Amino acid sequence: MENKKIGSLGEEMTCSYLKDRQFVVLEQNYRNRYAEIDVIALKGDTVHFIEVKTRCSEVAGRASEAVPVSKQNRIRRLAEIYLADNDLCDKNVEFHVVTIDLHDINYAF
C-alpha cells in the first residue's frame, strides 16, 4: 500500500475512533506552508491537536518514533495560528500522537 493511502487510512481510523467517543472533528489535514496537523478535534472545552502516524511494517521504524522535536514545534506554532483564527484561544489545548501499527493487526484478535 502506498504511503499516502496508509496515512489516509490511519487518519480515517482516528477520526472514527474520536467520533465514537463524542469528539467533534473540526479539521483534517489543516496546513500552512510550514506544517500540517492531521486532525483537530473538540471535546468539551478542550481542543485536541492530533498527529497520526501509521505504519504497515517496521522497516521505516515504529510509528511512535516519527515525530521529532522540530516537527512538534511546527505543529505547536500552527496550532496557535488555528486557535487565533478560529476564536478558540479561551479553550484548553492538548497535543497527541496517535500511532497505528498495521503490521500488528494480525495479532489483534
PDB file of N, CA and C in Angstrom:
ATOM      1  N   MET A   1       0.865  -1.173   0.000  1.00  0.00           N
ATOM      2  CA  MET A   1       0.000   0.000   0.000  1.00  0.00           C
ATOM      3  C   MET A   1       0.909   1.233   0.000  1.00  0.00           C
ATOM      4  N   GLU A   2       0.565   2.236  -0.781  1.00  0.00           N
ATOM      5  CA  GLU A   2       1.418   3.421  -0.843  1.00  0.00           C
ATOM      6  C   GLU A   2       1.241   4.304   0.391  1.00  0.00           C
ATOM      7  N   ASN A   3       2.286   5.092   0.693  1.00  0.00           N
ATOM      8  CA  ASN A   3       2.333   5.873   1.933  1.00  0.00           C
ATOM      9  C   ASN A   3       1.138   6.791   2.127  1.00  0.00           C
ATOM     10  N   LYS A   4       0.707   7.469   1.068  1.00  0.00           N
ATOM     11  CA  LYS A   4      -0.416   8.406   1.199  1.00  0.00           C
ATOM     12  C   LYS A   4      -1.701   7.667   1.597  1.00  0.00           C
ATOM     13  N   LYS A   5      -1.929   6.500   0.997  1.00  0.00           N
ATOM     14  CA  LYS A   5      -3.118   5.711   1.336  1.00  0.00           C
ATOM     15  C   LYS A   5      -3.038   5.188   2.768  1.00  0.00           C
ATOM     16  N   ILE A   6      -1.854   4.776   3.171  1.00  0.00           N
ATOM     17  CA  ILE A   6      -1.668   4.296   4.545  1.00  0.00           C
ATOM     18  C   ILE A   6      -1.963   5.420   5.530  1.00  0.00           C
ATOM     19  N   GLY A   7      -1.431   6.611   5.245  1.00  0.00           N
ATOM     20  CA  GLY A   7      -1.671   7.768   6.107  1.00  0.00           C
ATOM     21  C   GLY A   7      -3.139   8.138   6.176  1.00  0.00           C
ATOM     22  N   SER A   8      -3.807   8.138   5.026  1.00  0.00           N
ATOM     23  CA  SER A   8      -5.238   8.468   4.992  1.00  0.00           C
ATOM     24  C   SER A   8      -6.056   7.450   5.773  1.00  0.00           C
ATOM     25  N   LEU A   9      -5.696   6.181   5.647  1.00  0.00           N
ATOM     26  CA  LEU A   9      -6.394   5.130   6.396  1.00  0.00           C
ATOM     27  C   LEU A   9      -6.254   5.368   7.897  1.00  0.00           C
ATOM     28  N   GLY A  10      -5.055   5.670   8.343  1.00  0.00           N
ATOM     29  CA  GLY A  10      -4.833   5.940   9.763  1.00  0.00           C
ATOM     30  C   GLY A  10      -5.613   7.139  10.253  1.00  0.00           C
ATOM     31  N   GLU A  11      -5.666   8.189   9.444  1.00  0.00           N
ATOM     32  CA  GLU A  11      -6.415   9.390   9.831  1.00  0.00           C
ATOM     33  C   GLU A  11      -7.908   9.103   9.903  1.00  0.00           C
ATOM     34  N   GLU A  12      -8.422   8.332   8.955  1.00  0.00           N
ATOM     35  CA  GLU A  12      -9.846   7.976   8.987  1.00  0.00           C
ATOM     36  C   GLU A  12     -10.166   7.098  10.197  1.00  0.00           C
ATOM     37  N   MET A  13      -9.280   6.166  10.520  1.00  0.00           N
ATOM     38  CA  MET A  13      -9.482   5.324  11.704  1.00  0.00           C
ATOM     39  C   MET A  13      -9.498   6.184  12.967  1.00  0.00           C
ATOM     40  N   THR A  14      -8.608   7.153  13.021  1.00  0.00           N
ATOM     41  CA  THR A  14      -8.533   8.047  14.180  1.00  0.00           C
ATOM     42  C   THR A  14      -9.799   8.876  14.304  1.00  0.00           C
ATOM     43  N   CYS A  15     -10.268   9.447  13.198  1.00  0.00           N
ATOM     44  CA  CYS A  15     -11.491  10.264  13.235  1.00  0.00           C
ATOM     45  C   CYS A  15     -12.693   9.431  13.660  1.00  0.00           C
ATOM     46  N   SER A  16     -12.785   8.222  13.159  1.00  0.00           N
ATOM     47  CA  SER A  16     -13.883   7.337  13.539  1.00  0.00           C
ATOM     48  C   SER A  16     -13.841   7.037  15.038  1.00  0.00           C
ATOM     49  N   TYR A  17     -12.665   6.749  15.546  1.00  0.00           N
ATOM     50  CA  TYR A  17     -12.479   6.486  16.975  1.00  0.00           C
ATOM     51  C   TYR A  17     -12.917   7.693  17.804  1.00  0.00           C
ATOM     52  N   LEU A  18     -12.491   8.877  17.393  1.00  0.00           N
ATOM     53  CA  LEU A  18     -12.839  10.097  18.132  1.00  0.00           C
ATOM     54  C   LEU A  18     -14.343  10.356  18.106  1.00  0.00           C
ATOM     55  N   LYS A  19     -14.956  10.228  16.943  1.00  0.00           N
ATOM     56  CA  LYS A  19     -16.400  10.472  16.821  1.00  0.00           C
ATOM     57  C   LYS A  19     -17.195   9.498  17.680  1.00  0.00           C
ATOM     58  N   ASP A  20     -16.736   8.250  17.752  1.00  0.00           N
ATOM     59  CA  ASP A  20     -17.401   7.252  18.598  1.00  0.00           C
ATOM     60  C   ASP A  20     -17.343   7.628  20.076  1.00  0.00           C
ATOM     61  N   ARG A  21     -16.411   8.501  20.424  1.00  0.00           N
ATOM     62  CA  ARG A  21     -16.244   8.939  21.810  1.00  0.00           C
ATOM     63  C   ARG A  21     -16.688  10.383  22.021  1.00  0.00           C
ATOM     64  N   GLN A  22     -17.590  10.832  21.169  1.00  0.00           N
ATOM     65  CA  GLN A  22     -18.236  12.147  21.262  1.00  0.00           C
ATOM     66  C   GLN A  22     -17.294  13.342  21.071  1.00  0.00           C
ATOM     67  N   PHE A  23     -16.199  13.154  20.362  1.00  0.00           N
ATOM     68  CA  PHE A  23     -15.382  14.286  19.933  1.00  0.00           C
ATOM     69  C   PHE A  23     -16.009  14.860  18.672  1.00  0.00           C
ATOM     70  N   VAL A  24     -15.864  16.144  18.464  1.00  0.00           N
ATOM     71  CA  VAL A  24     -16.266  16.783  17.214  1.00  0.00           C
ATOM     72  C   VAL A  24     -14.987  17.025  16.421  1.00  0.00           C
ATOM     73  N   VAL A  25     -14.891  16.416  15.248  1.00  0.00           N
ATOM     74  CA  VAL A  25     -13.716  16.620  14.403  1.00  0.00           C
ATOM     75  C   VAL A  25     -13.900  17.947  13.676  1.00  0.00           C
ATOM     76  N   LEU A  26     -13.037  18.905  13.981  1.00  0.00           N
ATOM     77  CA  LEU A  26     -13.127  20.244  13.397  1.00  0.00           C
ATOM     78  C   LEU A  26     -12.404  20.333  12.059  1.00  0.00           C
ATOM     79  N   GLU A  27     -11.273  19.674  11.957  1.00  0.00           N
ATOM     80  CA  GLU A  27     -10.446  19.759  10.747  1.00  0.00           C
ATOM     81  C   GLU A  27      -9.684  18.460  10.546  1.00  0.00           C
ATOM     82  N   GLN A  28      -9.439  18.160   9.275  1.00  0.00           N
ATOM     83  CA  GLN A  28      -8.495  17.120   8.898  1.00  0.00           C
ATOM     84  C   GLN A  28      -7.497  17.753   7.946  1.00  0.00           C
ATOM     85  N   ASN A  29      -6.245  17.420   8.130  1.00  0.00           N
ATOM     86  CA  ASN A  29      -5.166  17.915   7.267  1.00  0.00           C
ATOM     87  C   ASN A  29      -5.133  19.432   7.183  1.00  0.00           C
ATOM     88  N   TYR A  30      -5.206  20.071   8.317  1.00  0.00           N
ATOM     89  CA  TYR A  30      -5.116  21.536   8.399  1.00  0.00           C
ATOM     90  C   TYR A  30      -3.654  21.920   8.210  1.00  0.00           C
ATOM     91  N   ARG A  31      -3.373  22.835   7.279  1.00  0.00           N
ATOM     92  CA  ARG A  31      -1.977  23.126   6.977  1.00  0.00           C
ATOM     93  C   ARG A  31      -1.742  24.565   6.576  1.00  0.00           C
ATOM     94  N   ASN A  32      -0.487  24.938   6.709  1.00  0.00           N
ATOM     95  CA  ASN A  32       0.026  26.144   6.077  1.00  0.00           C
ATOM     96  C   ASN A  32       1.296  25.714   5.347  1.00  0.00           C
ATOM     97  N   ARG A  33       2.109  26.653   4.914  1.00  0.00           N
ATOM     98  CA  ARG A  33       3.274  26.252   4.126  1.00  0.00           C
ATOM     99  C   ARG A  33       4.386  25.632   4.968  1.00  0.00           C
ATOM    100  N   TYR A  34       4.282  25.686   6.281  1.00  0.00           N
ATOM    101  CA  TYR A  34       5.341  25.184   7.149  1.00  0.00           C
ATOM    102  C   TYR A  34       4.997  23.896   7.887  1.00  0.00           C
ATOM    103  N   ALA A  35       3.716  23.627   8.058  1.00  0.00           N
ATOM    104  CA  ALA A  35       3.330  22.476   8.886  1.00  0.00           C
ATOM    105  C   ALA A  35       1.942  21.984   8.508  1.00  0.00           C
ATOM    106  N   GLU A  36       1.611  20.818   9.033  1.00  0.00           N
ATOM    107  CA  GLU A  36       0.279  20.243   8.871  1.00  0.00           C
ATOM    108  C   GLU A  36      -0.103  19.569  10.176  1.00  0.00           C
ATOM    109  N   ILE A  37      -1.373  19.702  10.525  1.00  0.00           N
ATOM    110  CA  ILE A  37      -1.933  18.982  11.668  1.00  0.00           C
ATOM    111  C   ILE A  37      -2.942  18.004  11.093  1.00  0.00           C
ATOM    112  N   ASP A  38      -2.771  16.725  11.393  1.00  0.00           N
ATOM    113  CA  ASP A  38      -3.610  15.697  10.783  1.00  0.00           C
ATOM    114  C   ASP A  38      -5.070  15.816  11.190  1.00  0.00           C
ATOM    115  N   VAL A  39      -5.331  15.973  12.480  1.00  0.00           N
ATOM    116  CA  VAL A  39      -6.708  16.042  12.975  1.00  0.00           C
ATOM    117  C   VAL A  39      -6.781  17.083  14.087  1.00  0.00           C
ATOM    118  N   ILE A  40      -7.817  17.903  14.022  1.00  0.00           N
ATOM    119  CA  ILE A  40      -8.126  18.831  15.109  1.00  0.00           C
ATOM    120  C   ILE A  40      -9.529  18.487  15.572  1.00  0.00           C
ATOM    121  N   ALA A  41      -9.671  18.212  16.857  1.00  0.00           N
ATOM    122  CA  ALA A  41     -10.963  17.788  17.397  1.00  0.00           C
ATOM    123  C   ALA A  41     -11.278  18.570  18.668  1.00  0.00           C
ATOM    124  N   LEU A  42     -12.566  18.643  18.959  1.00  0.00           N
ATOM    125  CA  LEU A  42     -13.045  19.361  20.137  1.00  0.00           C
ATOM    126  C   LEU A  42     -13.884  18.418  20.978  1.00  0.00           C
ATOM    127  N   LYS A  43     -13.629  18.431  22.278  1.00  0.00           N
ATOM    128  CA  LYS A  43     -14.495  17.723  23.221  1.00  0.00           C
ATOM    129  C   LYS A  43     -14.576  18.586  24.465  1.00  0.00           C
ATOM    130  N   GLY A  44     -15.795  18.967  24.808  1.00  0.00           N
ATOM    131  CA  GLY A  44     -15.970  19.877  25.931  1.00  0.00           C
ATOM    132  C   GLY A  44     -15.321  21.201  25.608  1.00  0.00           C
ATOM    133  N   ASP A  45     -14.486  21.680  26.513  1.00  0.00           N
ATOM    134  CA  ASP A  45     -13.809  22.953  26.252  1.00  0.00           C
ATOM    135  C   ASP A  45     -12.321  22.743  25.964  1.00  0.00           C
ATOM    136  N   THR A  46     -11.994  21.573  25.385  1.00  0.00           N
ATOM    137  CA  THR A  46     -10.607  21.269  25.045  1.00  0.00           C
ATOM    138  C   THR A  46     -10.471  20.997  23.554  1.00  0.00           C
ATOM    139  N   VAL A  47      -9.510  21.684  22.940  1.00  0.00           N
ATOM    140  CA  VAL A  47      -9.169  21.445  21.537  1.00  0.00           C
ATOM    141  C   VAL A  47      -7.983  20.486  21.519  1.00  0.00           C
ATOM    142  N   HIS A  48      -8.122  19.412  20.737  1.00  0.00           N
ATOM    143  CA  HIS A  48      -7.095  18.378  20.641  1.00  0.00           C
ATOM    144  C   HIS A  48      -6.439  18.460  19.269  1.00  0.00           C
ATOM    145  N   PHE A  49      -5.134  18.624  19.253  1.00  0.00           N
ATOM    146  CA  PHE A  49      -4.357  18.636  18.020  1.00  0.00           C
ATOM    147  C   PHE A  49      -3.655  17.288  17.928  1.00  0.00           C
ATOM    148  N   ILE A  50      -3.923  16.563  16.850  1.00  0.00           N
ATOM    149  CA  ILE A  50      -3.524  15.162  16.789  1.00  0.00           C
ATOM    150  C   ILE A  50      -2.680  14.886  15.551  1.00  0.00           C
ATOM    151  N   GLU A  51      -1.515  14.355  15.786  1.00  0.00           N
ATOM    152  CA  GLU A  51      -0.635  13.871  14.723  1.00  0.00           C
ATOM    153  C   GLU A  51      -0.840  12.366  14.641  1.00  0.00           C
ATOM    154  N   VAL A  52      -1.137  11.864  13.451  1.00  0.00           N
ATOM    155  CA  VAL A  52      -1.396  10.440  13.260  1.00  0.00           C
ATOM    156  C   VAL A  52      -0.223   9.834  12.495  1.00  0.00           C
ATOM    157  N   LYS A  53       0.345   8.786  13.041  1.00  0.00           N
ATOM    158  CA  LYS A  53       1.438   8.076  12.393  1.00  0.00           C
ATOM    159  C   LYS A  53       1.012   6.634  12.190  1.00  0.00           C
ATOM    160  N   THR A  54       0.983   6.220  10.935  1.00  0.00           N
ATOM    161  CA  THR A  54       0.532   4.880  10.585  1.00  0.00           C
ATOM    162  C   THR A  54       1.658   4.159   9.852  1.00  0.00           C
ATOM    163  N   ARG A  55       1.898   2.938  10.229  1.00  0.00           N
ATOM    164  CA  ARG A  55       2.919   2.118   9.581  1.00  0.00           C
ATOM    165  C   ARG A  55       2.321   0.745   9.289  1.00  0.00           C
ATOM    166  N   CYS A  56       2.794   0.126   8.214  1.00  0.00           N
ATOM    167  CA  CYS A  56       2.366  -1.251   7.958  1.00  0.00           C
ATOM    168  C   CYS A  56       3.548  -2.218   8.020  1.00  0.00           C
ATOM    169  N   SER A  57       4.736  -1.691   8.338  1.00  0.00           N
ATOM    170  CA  SER A  57       5.893  -2.541   8.602  1.00  0.00           C
ATOM    171  C   SER A  57       6.847  -1.769   9.503  1.00  0.00           C
ATOM    172  N   GLU A  58       7.790  -2.473  10.082  1.00  0.00           N
ATOM    173  CA  GLU A  58       8.767  -1.817  10.946  1.00  0.00           C
ATOM    174  C   GLU A  58       9.996  -1.357  10.177  1.00  0.00           C
ATOM    175  N   VAL A  59      10.003  -1.507   8.852  1.00  0.00           N
ATOM    176  CA  VAL A  59      11.155  -1.116   8.046  1.00  0.00           C
ATOM    177  C   VAL A  59      11.472   0.363   8.238  1.00  0.00           C
ATOM    178  N   ALA A  60      10.459   1.208   8.272  1.00  0.00           N
ATOM    179  CA  ALA A  60      10.651   2.651   8.451  1.00  0.00           C
ATOM    180  C   ALA A  60      10.726   3.031   9.927  1.00  0.00           C
ATOM    181  N   GLY A  61      10.712   2.051  10.808  1.00  0.00           N
ATOM    182  CA  GLY A  61      10.727   2.335  12.243  1.00  0.00           C
ATOM    183  C   GLY A  61       9.320   2.326  12.806  1.00  0.00           C
ATOM    184  N   ARG A  62       9.248   2.336  14.102  1.00  0.00           N
ATOM    185  CA  ARG A  62       7.949   2.367  14.770  1.00  0.00           C
ATOM    186  C   ARG A  62       7.294   3.718  14.541  1.00  0.00           C
ATOM    187  N   ALA A  63       5.990   3.735  14.470  1.00  0.00           N
ATOM    188  CA  ALA A  63       5.253   4.977  14.233  1.00  0.00           C
ATOM    189  C   ALA A  63       5.526   6.010  15.317  1.00  0.00           C
ATOM    190  N   SER A  64       5.694   5.556  16.542  1.00  0.00           N
ATOM    191  CA  SER A  64       5.891   6.480  17.662  1.00  0.00           C
ATOM    192  C   SER A  64       7.220   7.229  17.600  1.00  0.00           C
ATOM    193  N   GLU A  65       8.139   6.797  16.757  1.00  0.00           N
ATOM    194  CA  GLU A  65       9.450   7.438  16.641  1.00  0.00           C
ATOM    195  C   GLU A  65       9.480   8.521  15.566  1.00  0.00           C
ATOM    196  N   ALA A  66       8.367   8.815  14.945  1.00  0.00           N
ATOM    197  CA  ALA A  66       8.348   9.638  13.739  1.00  0.00           C
ATOM    198  C   ALA A  66       7.965  11.103  13.947  1.00  0.00           C
ATOM    199  N   VAL A  67       7.961  11.592  15.177  1.00  0.00           N
ATOM    200  CA  VAL A  67       7.598  12.995  15.415  1.00  0.00           C
ATOM    201  C   VAL A  67       8.726  13.673  16.199  1.00  0.00           C
ATOM    202  N   PRO A  68       9.756  14.119  15.487  1.00  0.00           N
ATOM    203  CA  PRO A  68      10.875  14.769  16.177  1.00  0.00           C
ATOM    204  C   PRO A  68      10.468  16.121  16.765  1.00  0.00           C
ATOM    205  N   VAL A  69      11.299  16.645  17.634  1.00  0.00           N
ATOM    206  CA  VAL A  69      11.016  17.912  18.309  1.00  0.00           C
ATOM    207  C   VAL A  69      10.789  19.042  17.307  1.00  0.00           C
ATOM    208  N   SER A  70      11.536  19.066  16.215  1.00  0.00           N
ATOM    209  CA  SER A  70      11.351  20.127  15.217  1.00  0.00           C
ATOM    210  C   SER A  70       9.936  20.104  14.642  1.00  0.00           C
ATOM    211  N   LYS A  71       9.406  18.913  14.394  1.00  0.00           N
ATOM    212  CA  LYS A  71       8.032  18.810  13.887  1.00  0.00           C
ATOM    213  C   LYS A  71       7.032  19.187  14.974  1.00  0.00           C
ATOM    214  N   GLN A  72       7.292  18.796  16.201  1.00  0.00           N
ATOM    215  CA  GLN A  72       6.418  19.178  17.310  1.00  0.00           C
ATOM    216  C   GLN A  72       6.316  20.696  17.412  1.00  0.00           C
ATOM    217  N   ASN A  73       7.437  21.373  17.256  1.00  0.00           N
ATOM    218  CA  ASN A  73       7.436  22.839  17.331  1.00  0.00           C
ATOM    219  C   ASN A  73       6.644  23.470  16.192  1.00  0.00           C
ATOM    220  N   ARG A  74       6.759  22.918  14.978  1.00  0.00           N
ATOM    221  CA  ARG A  74       5.977  23.441  13.841  1.00  0.00           C
ATOM    222  C   ARG A  74       4.481  23.230  14.071  1.00  0.00           C
ATOM    223  N   ILE A  75       4.120  22.066  14.601  1.00  0.00           N
ATOM    224  CA  ILE A  75       2.712  21.782  14.896  1.00  0.00           C
ATOM    225  C   ILE A  75       2.190  22.748  15.960  1.00  0.00           C
ATOM    226  N   ARG A  76       2.983  22.991  16.988  1.00  0.00           N
ATOM    227  CA  ARG A  76       2.571  23.917  18.052  1.00  0.00           C
ATOM    228  C   ARG A  76       2.322  25.318  17.493  1.00  0.00           C
ATOM    229  N   ARG A  77       3.214  25.787  16.636  1.00  0.00           N
ATOM    230  CA  ARG A  77       3.031  27.125  16.053  1.00  0.00           C
ATOM    231  C   ARG A  77       1.781  27.185  15.177  1.00  0.00           C
ATOM    232  N   LEU A  78       1.539  26.135  14.389  1.00  0.00           N
ATOM    233  CA  LEU A  78       0.335  26.110  13.561  1.00  0.00           C
ATOM    234  C   LEU A  78      -0.915  26.035  14.434  1.00  0.00           C
ATOM    235  N   ALA A  79      -0.855  25.314  15.537  1.00  0.00           N
ATOM    236  CA  ALA A  79      -1.987  25.244  16.469  1.00  0.00           C
ATOM    237  C   ALA A  79      -2.311  26.623  17.029  1.00  0.00           C
ATOM    238  N   GLU A  80      -1.293  27.392  17.357  1.00  0.00           N
ATOM    239  CA  GLU A  80      -1.515  28.759  17.851  1.00  0.00           C
ATOM    240  C   GLU A  80      -2.231  29.608  16.805  1.00  0.00           C
ATOM    241  N   ILE A  81      -1.834  29.467  15.550  1.00  0.00           N
ATOM    242  CA  ILE A  81      -2.495  30.195  14.460  1.00  0.00           C
ATOM    243  C   ILE A  81      -3.949  29.754  14.344  1.00  0.00           C
ATOM    244  N   TYR A  82      -4.183  28.440  14.385  1.00  0.00           N
ATOM    245  CA  TYR A  82      -5.547  27.916  14.270  1.00  0.00           C
ATOM    246  C   TYR A  82      -6.436  28.455  15.387  1.00  0.00           C
ATOM    247  N   LEU A  83      -5.943  28.413  16.613  1.00  0.00           N
ATOM    248  CA  LEU A  83      -6.731  28.899  17.750  1.00  0.00           C
ATOM    249  C   LEU A  83      -7.088  30.370  17.580  1.00  0.00           C
ATOM    250  N   ALA A  84      -6.135  31.181  17.161  1.00  0.00           N
ATOM    251  CA  ALA A  84      -6.383  32.615  16.976  1.00  0.00           C
ATOM    252  C   ALA A  84      -7.357  32.865  15.830  1.00  0.00           C
ATOM    253  N   ASP A  85      -7.173  32.170  14.717  1.00  0.00           N
ATOM    254  CA  ASP A  85      -8.028  32.371  13.541  1.00  0.00           C
ATOM    255  C   ASP A  85      -9.462  31.915  13.765  1.00  0.00           C
ATOM    256  N   ASN A  86      -9.663  31.004  14.706  1.00  0.00           N
ATOM    257  CA  ASN A  86     -10.992  30.431  14.932  1.00  0.00           C
ATOM    258  C   ASN A  86     -11.591  30.827  16.274  1.00  0.00           C
ATOM    259  N   ASP A  87     -11.057  31.881  16.878  1.00  0.00           N
ATOM    260  CA  ASP A  87     -11.580  32.420  18.132  1.00  0.00           C
ATOM    261  C   ASP A  87     -11.710  31.331  19.208  1.00  0.00           C
ATOM    262  N   LEU A  88     -10.652  30.525  19.332  1.00  0.00           N
ATOM    263  CA  LEU A  88     -10.659  29.426  20.300  1.00  0.00           C
ATOM    264  C   LEU A  88      -9.569  29.580  21.356  1.00  0.00           C
ATOM    265  N   CYS A  89      -9.025  30.772  21.487  1.00  0.00           N
ATOM    266  CA  CYS A  89      -7.913  30.996  22.425  1.00  0.00           C
ATOM    267  C   CYS A  89      -8.309  30.774  23.882  1.00  0.00           C
ATOM    268  N   ASP A  90      -9.616  30.787  24.172  1.00  0.00           N
ATOM    269  CA  ASP A  90     -10.073  30.572  25.545  1.00  0.00           C
ATOM    270  C   ASP A  90     -10.221  29.088  25.891  1.00  0.00           C
ATOM    271  N   LYS A  91      -9.983  28.211  24.922  1.00  0.00           N
ATOM    272  CA  LYS A  91     -10.127  26.768  25.145  1.00  0.00           C
ATOM    273  C   LYS A  91      -8.849  26.171  25.725  1.00  0.00           C
ATOM    274  N   ASN A  92      -9.009  25.057  26.421  1.00  0.00           N
ATOM    275  CA  ASN A  92      -7.854  24.267  26.830  1.00  0.00           C
ATOM    276  C   ASN A  92      -7.302  23.576  25.590  1.00  0.00           C
ATOM    277  N   VAL A  93      -6.045  23.220  25.624  1.00  0.00           N
ATOM    278  CA  VAL A  93      -5.390  22.622  24.462  1.00  0.00           C
ATOM    279  C   VAL A  93      -4.616  21.380  24.887  1.00  0.00           C
ATOM    280  N   GLU A  94      -4.719  20.333  24.065  1.00  0.00           N
ATOM    281  CA  GLU A  94      -3.911  19.131  24.262  1.00  0.00           C
ATOM    282  C   GLU A  94      -3.329  18.715  22.918  1.00  0.00           C
ATOM    283  N   PHE A  95      -2.122  18.175  22.966  1.00  0.00           N
ATOM    284  CA  PHE A  95      -1.457  17.643  21.778  1.00  0.00           C
ATOM    285  C   PHE A  95      -1.302  16.140  21.959  1.00  0.00           C
ATOM    286  N   HIS A  96      -1.558  15.402  20.876  1.00  0.00           N
ATOM    287  CA  HIS A  96      -1.489  13.943  20.935  1.00  0.00           C
ATOM    288  C   HIS A  96      -0.781  13.400  19.705  1.00  0.00           C
ATOM    289  N   VAL A  97      -0.165  12.257  19.876  1.00  0.00           N
ATOM    290  CA  VAL A  97       0.319  11.471  18.747  1.00  0.00           C
ATOM    291  C   VAL A  97      -0.403  10.137  18.816  1.00  0.00           C
ATOM    292  N   VAL A  98      -1.155   9.832  17.773  1.00  0.00           N
ATOM    293  CA  VAL A  98      -1.828   8.544  17.656  1.00  0.00           C
ATOM    294  C   VAL A  98      -0.952   7.680  16.760  1.00  0.00           C
ATOM    295  N   THR A  99      -0.586   6.518  17.250  1.00  0.00           N
ATOM    296  CA  THR A  99       0.229   5.607  16.444  1.00  0.00           C
ATOM    297  C   THR A  99      -0.585   4.373  16.096  1.00  0.00           C
ATOM    298  N   ILE A 100      -0.551   4.038  14.830  1.00  0.00           N
ATOM    299  CA  ILE A 100      -1.261   2.862  14.338  1.00  0.00           C
ATOM    300  C   ILE A 100      -0.237   2.004  13.608  1.00  0.00           C
ATOM    301  N   ASP A 101       0.021   0.830  14.139  1.00  0.00           N
ATOM    302  CA  ASP A 101       0.950  -0.107  13.524  1.00  0.00           C
ATOM    303  C   ASP A 101       0.139  -1.229  12.885  1.00  0.00           C
ATOM    304  N   LEU A 102      -0.105  -1.110  11.587  1.00  0.00           N
ATOM    305  CA  LEU A 102      -0.953  -2.068  10.885  1.00  0.00           C
ATOM    306  C   LEU A 102      -0.307  -3.441  10.768  1.00  0.00           C
ATOM    307  N   HIS A 103       1.004  -3.527  10.864  1.00  0.00           N
ATOM    308  CA  HIS A 103       1.653  -4.834  10.755  1.00  0.00           C
ATOM    309  C   HIS A 103       1.313  -5.732  11.938  1.00  0.00           C
ATOM    310  N   ASP A 104       0.846  -5.170  13.037  1.00  0.00           N
ATOM    311  CA  ASP A 104       0.446  -5.959  14.202  1.00  0.00           C
ATOM    312  C   ASP A 104      -1.017  -6.375  14.156  1.00  0.00           C
ATOM    313  N   ILE A 105      -1.730  -5.984  13.119  1.00  0.00           N
ATOM    314  CA  ILE A 105      -3.178  -6.195  13.066  1.00  0.00           C
ATOM    315  C   ILE A 105      -3.540  -7.688  13.110  1.00  0.00           C
ATOM    316  N   ASN A 106      -2.700  -8.563  12.564  1.00  0.00           N
ATOM    317  CA  ASN A 106      -2.995  -9.995  12.577  1.00  0.00           C
ATOM    318  C   ASN A 106      -3.024 -10.568  13.987  1.00  0.00           C
ATOM    319  N   TYR A 107      -2.366  -9.889  14.914  1.00  0.00           N
ATOM    320  CA  TYR A 107      -2.286 -10.378  16.281  1.00  0.00           C
ATOM    321  C   TYR A 107      -3.270  -9.683  17.208  1.00  0.00           C
ATOM    322  N   ALA A 108      -4.151  -8.889  16.642  1.00  0.00           N
ATOM    323  CA  ALA A 108      -5.064  -8.092  17.458  1.00  0.00           C
ATOM    324  C   ALA A 108      -6.250  -8.901  17.972  1.00  0.00           C
ATOM    325  N   PHE A 109      -6.516 -10.043  17.378  1.00  0.00           N
ATOM    326  CA  PHE A 109      -7.712 -10.798  17.757  1.00  0.00           C
ATOM    327  C   PHE A 109      -7.354 -12.177  18.262  1.00  0.00           C
TER     328      PHE A 109
END
